[in-house]
Amino acid sequence: MDLGISTRLNTAFDDAVAKTRAALQEQGFGVLTEIDMQATLKEKIGADMERYVILGACNPQLAHRAVGVNRQIGLLLPCNVVVRDDGEDVVVEAMNPAIMVEVTKEPELDAVAAEATTRLEAAIAALA
């Protein structure tokens, strides 16, 4: 099983972040948080790294359904979408929602994971 759903873009980093936000919104995901890992690690521990942003995305309907099956599922919700520099390209990747089902062994999450996968794949595909 792949850990993530991803694509590689040949575009400016800020454009990739903006396009990712828009693609997620088209699929019903809102971006609740944005963590600039490059700036945070530089400020907190003096570490240098490539541009790396974590978008905390959430589809409220899917999250509600998943939490209804298992209240602890919030620990595994596929809400993080990473946009990161990788050489000349920008990589955009989201966690594979099937991991929720694999880890919890909750068959009731199959439908939620399948819909989340379809939506995240559509968002990632729209970037290409």
Protein backbone atom coordinates (compact mmCIF):
# COMPACT_ATOMS: atom_id res chain seq x y z
CA MET A 1 0.00 0.00 0.00
CA ASP A 2 1.32 3.43 -0.91
CA LEU A 3 1.56 5.87 1.97
CA GLY A 4 0.44 8.77 -0.16
CA ILE A 5 -1.22 10.13 -3.25
CA SER A 6 1.17 12.46 -5.00
CA THR A 7 2.15 14.39 -8.08
CA ARG A 8 5.21 16.25 -9.23
CA LEU A 9 4.80 19.75 -10.68
CA ASN A 10 7.18 21.95 -12.61
CA THR A 11 5.94 25.29 -11.29
CA ALA A 12 6.79 27.96 -8.76
CA PHE A 13 6.36 26.88 -5.14
CA ASP A 14 3.84 29.61 -4.22
CA ASP A 15 1.78 28.77 -7.31
CA ALA A 16 1.76 25.10 -6.30
CA VAL A 17 0.47 25.99 -2.81
CA ALA A 18 -2.27 28.23 -4.23
CA LYS A 19 -3.31 25.63 -6.83
CA THR A 20 -3.34 22.90 -4.17
CA ARG A 21 -5.59 24.97 -1.91
CA ALA A 22 -7.99 25.59 -4.83
CA ALA A 23 -8.00 21.92 -5.91
CA LEU A 24 -8.74 20.79 -2.36
CA GLN A 25 -11.58 23.30 -2.09
CA GLU A 26 -13.09 21.98 -5.33
CA GLN A 27 -13.25 18.56 -3.66
CA GLY A 28 -14.90 19.82 -0.47
CA PHE A 29 -11.79 20.20 1.67
CA GLY A 30 -11.13 23.38 3.61
CA VAL A 31 -7.61 24.27 4.68
CA LEU A 32 -7.75 24.88 8.43
CA THR A 33 -4.03 25.26 9.10
CA GLU A 34 -0.83 25.97 7.24
CA ILE A 35 2.55 25.07 8.73
CA ASP A 36 5.66 26.47 7.10
CA MET A 37 8.17 23.79 8.11
CA GLN A 38 11.12 25.65 6.59
CA ALA A 39 10.47 28.79 8.64
CA THR A 40 9.50 26.92 11.81
CA LEU A 41 12.58 24.69 11.87
CA LYS A 42 14.84 27.63 11.10
CA GLU A 43 13.32 29.68 13.93
CA LYS A 44 13.10 26.91 16.53
CA ILE A 45 16.30 24.92 15.99
CA GLY A 46 18.30 26.79 13.37
CA ALA A 47 17.89 23.98 10.81
CA ASP A 48 17.88 24.70 7.08
CA MET A 49 15.65 22.76 4.72
CA GLU A 50 13.86 23.16 1.40
CA ARG A 51 10.49 24.90 1.20
CA TYR A 52 7.99 22.57 2.83
CA VAL A 53 4.40 23.49 3.74
CA ILE A 54 1.85 21.28 5.46
CA LEU A 55 -1.76 22.18 4.71
CA GLY A 56 -4.20 20.89 7.31
CA ALA A 57 -7.16 20.06 5.07
CA CYS A 58 -10.51 18.75 6.24
CA ASN A 59 -13.70 17.60 4.56
CA PRO A 60 -16.26 18.07 7.37
CA GLN A 61 -18.75 15.49 6.06
CA LEU A 62 -16.10 12.77 5.73
CA ALA A 63 -14.52 13.64 9.08
CA HIS A 64 -17.94 13.47 10.77
CA ARG A 65 -18.65 10.05 9.26
CA ALA A 66 -15.24 8.70 10.29
CA VAL A 67 -15.45 10.00 13.86
CA GLY A 68 -18.92 8.48 14.07
CA VAL A 69 -17.37 5.06 13.51
CA ASN A 70 -14.47 5.51 15.93
CA ARG A 71 -13.85 8.58 18.09
CA GLN A 72 -10.09 7.93 18.06
CA ILE A 73 -10.00 8.16 14.26
CA GLY A 74 -9.12 11.84 14.53
CA LEU A 75 -5.59 10.63 15.20
CA LEU A 76 -5.47 9.14 11.69
CA LEU A 77 -7.63 11.40 9.56
CA PRO A 78 -5.90 12.04 6.20
CA CYS A 79 -5.92 15.76 6.70
CA ASN A 80 -2.33 16.71 5.94
CA VAL A 81 -1.35 17.68 2.42
CA VAL A 82 2.34 18.42 1.90
CA VAL A 83 3.71 20.80 -0.71
CA ARG A 84 7.51 20.60 -0.87
CA ASP A 85 10.41 21.59 -3.09
CA ASP A 86 12.24 18.67 -4.63
CA GLY A 87 15.03 19.87 -6.90
CA GLU A 88 13.55 21.61 -9.92
CA ASP A 89 10.05 20.37 -9.11
CA VAL A 90 7.43 20.78 -6.41
CA VAL A 91 5.89 17.62 -4.94
CA VAL A 92 2.32 17.64 -3.64
CA GLU A 93 1.25 14.64 -1.58
CA ALA A 94 -1.60 13.58 0.66
CA MET A 95 -1.89 10.60 2.98
CA ASN A 96 -3.60 7.54 1.52
CA PRO A 97 -6.95 7.31 3.38
CA ALA A 98 -6.87 3.51 3.14
CA ILE A 99 -4.29 3.61 5.92
CA MET A 100 -7.15 4.50 8.32
CA VAL A 101 -8.84 1.22 7.54
CA GLU A 102 -5.61 -0.78 7.57
CA VAL A 103 -4.55 0.52 10.99
CA THR A 104 -7.95 0.36 12.71
CA LYS A 105 -9.32 -2.79 11.04
CA GLU A 106 -12.70 -1.01 11.06
CA PRO A 107 -14.61 -2.20 7.96
CA GLU A 108 -17.16 0.57 8.52
CA LEU A 109 -14.45 3.05 7.49
CA ASP A 110 -14.09 1.48 4.02
CA ALA A 111 -16.71 3.74 2.43
CA VAL A 112 -15.31 6.89 4.07
CA ALA A 113 -11.77 6.01 3.01
CA ALA A 114 -12.91 5.22 -0.53
CA GLU A 115 -14.67 8.57 -0.90
CA ALA A 116 -11.75 10.46 0.66
CA THR A 117 -9.38 8.67 -1.74
CA THR A 118 -11.53 9.58 -4.74
CA ARG A 119 -11.66 13.23 -3.69
CA LEU A 120 -7.95 13.50 -2.86
CA GLU A 121 -6.97 11.74 -6.10
CA ALA A 122 -9.16 14.19 -8.03
CA ALA A 123 -7.59 17.16 -6.26
CA ILE A 124 -4.05 15.91 -6.89
CA ALA A 125 -4.87 15.02 -10.52
CA ALA A 126 -6.27 18.51 -11.11
CA LEU A 127 -2.81 19.93 -10.39
CA ALA A 128 -1.11 18.14 -13.29
